[in-house]
Structure formats: C-alpha cells, structure tokens
C-alpha cells in the first residue's frame, strides 16, 4: 500500500492548481488501498476523465466512478455557477463554421 508515499512529488510542472488539488485529493483518499504505482495511474485516469473528457474501457470507467464519487462531488459542487470549458472536435467546429454561411 502507498500509505506513506509523498503524494506531492507527483505534481507535474504543467498542472494548474485546480487540477493538482483534485488529483491530490483523489490520491490522499485512496493511498491506503493501492500500491503507489497503481494509485498514481488511477489518479491520472481520473483527472483525464474529469478535465479532458477521456473515455476508457467500461470496467475502468466504473472503477474510477466508484473511487471518485466523494472527491468529484465536492469538486463539482465548488464549480457550480462557474464557466465550464466545452471541447468540440475540429471536424464539428469546421462543419458548424461552414453551415453558418
């Protein structure tokens, strides 16, 4: 188990505070359940899903949903009323641009 791990050493130089705080909260919540290597991987998958809309196999998505339930709920509650980014595929954006003409 990763109970004694130094979670903060896993912050990457390109992570903004918001992303890091969520990833860190996830790792802190589960560091007694997984090995350090597995926990870091799961935390990255979680933030990829939460911030980038990534999709993974159903079993992985279900595991992350279960593990992140409390962490994500608190984070999402704090974001209520704030602007949210929406990602659009380039092909959809191009199609929308040409359909307006």
C-alpha atoms as a PDB file:
ATOM      1  CA  UNK A   1       0.000   0.000   0.000  1.00  0.00           C
ATOM      2  CA  UNK A   2       1.032   3.587  -0.586  1.00  0.00           C
ATOM      3  CA  UNK A   3       0.124   4.840   2.891  1.00  0.00           C
ATOM      4  CA  UNK A   4       3.490   6.519   3.479  1.00  0.00           C
ATOM      5  CA  UNK A   5       4.028   7.898  -0.014  1.00  0.00           C
ATOM      6  CA  UNK A   6       4.917  11.530  -0.669  1.00  0.00           C
ATOM      7  CA  UNK A   7       1.925  12.458  -2.826  1.00  0.00           C
ATOM      8  CA  UNK A   8       3.272  15.929  -3.618  1.00  0.00           C
ATOM      9  CA  UNK A   9       6.217  14.551  -5.599  1.00  0.00           C
ATOM     10  CA  UNK A  10       3.745  13.556  -8.311  1.00  0.00           C
ATOM     11  CA  UNK A  11       2.692  17.074  -9.231  1.00  0.00           C
ATOM     12  CA  UNK A  12       3.855  17.782 -12.750  1.00  0.00           C
ATOM     13  CA  UNK A  13       5.207  21.188 -13.724  1.00  0.00           C
ATOM     14  CA  UNK A  14       2.379  21.777 -16.197  1.00  0.00           C
ATOM     15  CA  UNK A  15      -0.528  21.062 -13.817  1.00  0.00           C
ATOM     16  CA  UNK A  16      -2.525  24.080 -12.746  1.00  0.00           C
ATOM     17  CA  UNK A  17      -3.524  24.374  -9.093  1.00  0.00           C
ATOM     18  CA  UNK A  18      -7.096  23.251  -9.705  1.00  0.00           C
ATOM     19  CA  UNK A  19      -6.066  20.062 -11.497  1.00  0.00           C
ATOM     20  CA  UNK A  20      -3.393  19.238  -8.950  1.00  0.00           C
ATOM     21  CA  UNK A  21      -5.688  19.791  -5.974  1.00  0.00           C
ATOM     22  CA  UNK A  22      -8.242  17.362  -7.389  1.00  0.00           C
ATOM     23  CA  UNK A  23      -5.629  14.755  -8.286  1.00  0.00           C
ATOM     24  CA  UNK A  24      -4.016  15.129  -4.868  1.00  0.00           C
ATOM     25  CA  UNK A  25      -7.373  14.752  -3.093  1.00  0.00           C
ATOM     26  CA  UNK A  26      -8.011  11.547  -5.054  1.00  0.00           C
ATOM     27  CA  UNK A  27      -4.614  10.128  -4.116  1.00  0.00           C
ATOM     28  CA  UNK A  28      -4.981  11.084  -0.462  1.00  0.00           C
ATOM     29  CA  UNK A  29      -8.409   9.459  -0.313  1.00  0.00           C
ATOM     30  CA  UNK A  30      -7.128   6.136  -1.639  1.00  0.00           C
ATOM     31  CA  UNK A  31      -3.452   5.835  -0.729  1.00  0.00           C
ATOM     32  CA  UNK A  32      -4.255   3.105   1.804  1.00  0.00           C
ATOM     33  CA  UNK A  33      -5.963   0.933  -0.848  1.00  0.00           C
ATOM     34  CA  UNK A  34      -3.492   0.731  -3.743  1.00  0.00           C
ATOM     35  CA  UNK A  35       0.190   0.462  -4.465  1.00  0.00           C
ATOM     36  CA  UNK A  36       1.917   3.757  -5.199  1.00  0.00           C
ATOM     37  CA  UNK A  37       2.310   2.964  -8.899  1.00  0.00           C
ATOM     38  CA  UNK A  38      -1.327   1.938  -9.307  1.00  0.00           C
ATOM     39  CA  UNK A  39      -2.620   4.935  -7.337  1.00  0.00           C
ATOM     40  CA  UNK A  40      -0.684   7.431  -9.469  1.00  0.00           C
ATOM     41  CA  UNK A  41      -2.060   5.813 -12.611  1.00  0.00           C
ATOM     42  CA  UNK A  42      -5.646   5.807 -11.313  1.00  0.00           C
ATOM     43  CA  UNK A  43      -5.360   9.450 -10.270  1.00  0.00           C
ATOM     44  CA  UNK A  44      -4.164  10.426 -13.743  1.00  0.00           C
ATOM     45  CA  UNK A  45      -7.015   8.498 -15.354  1.00  0.00           C
ATOM     46  CA  UNK A  46      -9.463  10.255 -13.021  1.00  0.00           C
ATOM     47  CA  UNK A  47      -8.222  13.725 -13.938  1.00  0.00           C
ATOM     48  CA  UNK A  48      -8.137  12.821 -17.642  1.00  0.00           C
ATOM     49  CA  UNK A  49     -11.809  11.889 -17.407  1.00  0.00           C
ATOM     50  CA  UNK A  50     -12.782  14.877 -15.288  1.00  0.00           C
ATOM     51  CA  UNK A  51     -10.924  17.611 -17.169  1.00  0.00           C
ATOM     52  CA  UNK A  52     -10.453  16.291 -20.677  1.00  0.00           C
ATOM     53  CA  UNK A  53     -13.485  14.069 -21.149  1.00  0.00           C
ATOM     54  CA  UNK A  54     -11.373  11.000 -21.885  1.00  0.00           C
ATOM     55  CA  UNK A  55     -13.101   7.622 -22.134  1.00  0.00           C
ATOM     56  CA  UNK A  56     -11.675   4.282 -21.023  1.00  0.00           C
ATOM     57  CA  UNK A  57     -12.948   0.696 -21.066  1.00  0.00           C
ATOM     58  CA  UNK A  58     -16.208   0.243 -19.136  1.00  0.00           C
ATOM     59  CA  UNK A  59     -14.551  -1.586 -16.248  1.00  0.00           C
ATOM     60  CA  UNK A  60     -12.066   1.262 -15.779  1.00  0.00           C
ATOM     61  CA  UNK A  61     -14.771   3.916 -16.014  1.00  0.00           C
ATOM     62  CA  UNK A  62     -16.830   2.089 -13.394  1.00  0.00           C
ATOM     63  CA  UNK A  63     -13.862   1.762 -11.020  1.00  0.00           C
ATOM     64  CA  UNK A  64     -12.970   5.449 -11.364  1.00  0.00           C
ATOM     65  CA  UNK A  65     -16.610   6.489 -10.886  1.00  0.00           C
ATOM     66  CA  UNK A  66     -16.757   4.492  -7.676  1.00  0.00           C
ATOM     67  CA  UNK A  67     -13.402   5.738  -6.359  1.00  0.00           C
ATOM     68  CA  UNK A  68     -14.018   9.372  -7.264  1.00  0.00           C
ATOM     69  CA  UNK A  69     -17.608   9.647  -6.080  1.00  0.00           C
ATOM     70  CA  UNK A  70     -16.915  11.730  -2.964  1.00  0.00           C
ATOM     71  CA  UNK A  71     -13.890  13.599  -4.320  1.00  0.00           C
ATOM     72  CA  UNK A  72     -15.611  14.542  -7.572  1.00  0.00           C
ATOM     73  CA  UNK A  73     -18.893  15.514  -5.893  1.00  0.00           C
ATOM     74  CA  UNK A  74     -17.125  18.011  -3.657  1.00  0.00           C
ATOM     75  CA  UNK A  75     -15.128  19.405  -6.584  1.00  0.00           C
ATOM     76  CA  UNK A  76     -18.179  19.720  -8.842  1.00  0.00           C
ATOM     77  CA  UNK A  77     -20.174  21.412  -6.101  1.00  0.00           C
ATOM     78  CA  UNK A  78     -17.427  24.032  -5.826  1.00  0.00           C
ATOM     79  CA  UNK A  79     -17.589  24.652  -9.570  1.00  0.00           C
ATOM     80  CA  UNK A  80     -21.343  25.252  -9.735  1.00  0.00           C
ATOM     81  CA  UNK A  81     -22.092  28.558 -11.384  1.00  0.00           C
ATOM     82  CA  UNK A  82     -18.615  28.901 -12.898  1.00  0.00           C
ATOM     83  CA  UNK A  83     -17.859  28.895 -16.591  1.00  0.00           C
ATOM     84  CA  UNK A  84     -17.041  25.476 -17.979  1.00  0.00           C
ATOM     85  CA  UNK A  85     -14.909  24.592 -20.971  1.00  0.00           C
ATOM     86  CA  UNK A  86     -16.500  22.624 -23.758  1.00  0.00           C
ATOM     87  CA  UNK A  87     -14.365  20.592 -26.091  1.00  0.00           C
ATOM     88  CA  UNK A  88     -15.526  20.255 -29.666  1.00  0.00           C
ATOM     89  CA  UNK A  89     -13.982  18.029 -32.297  1.00  0.00           C
ATOM     90  CA  UNK A  90     -12.255  20.022 -35.024  1.00  0.00           C
ATOM     91  CA  UNK A  91     -14.463  18.410 -37.662  1.00  0.00           C
ATOM     92  CA  UNK A  92     -17.598  19.550 -35.805  1.00  0.00           C
ATOM     93  CA  UNK A  93     -16.249  23.076 -35.391  1.00  0.00           C
ATOM     94  CA  UNK A  94     -15.397  23.285 -39.088  1.00  0.00           C
ATOM     95  CA  UNK A  95     -18.811  21.954 -40.075  1.00  0.00           C
ATOM     96  CA  UNK A  96     -20.524  24.490 -37.834  1.00  0.00           C
ATOM     97  CA  UNK A  97     -18.464  27.326 -39.291  1.00  0.00           C
ATOM     98  CA  UNK A  98     -19.395  26.445 -42.865  1.00  0.00           C
ATOM     99  CA  UNK A  99     -23.066  25.850 -42.128  1.00  0.00           C
ATOM    100  CA  UNK A 100     -23.461  29.461 -40.887  1.00  0.00           C
ATOM    101  CA  UNK A 101     -22.600  30.949 -44.259  1.00  0.00           C
END
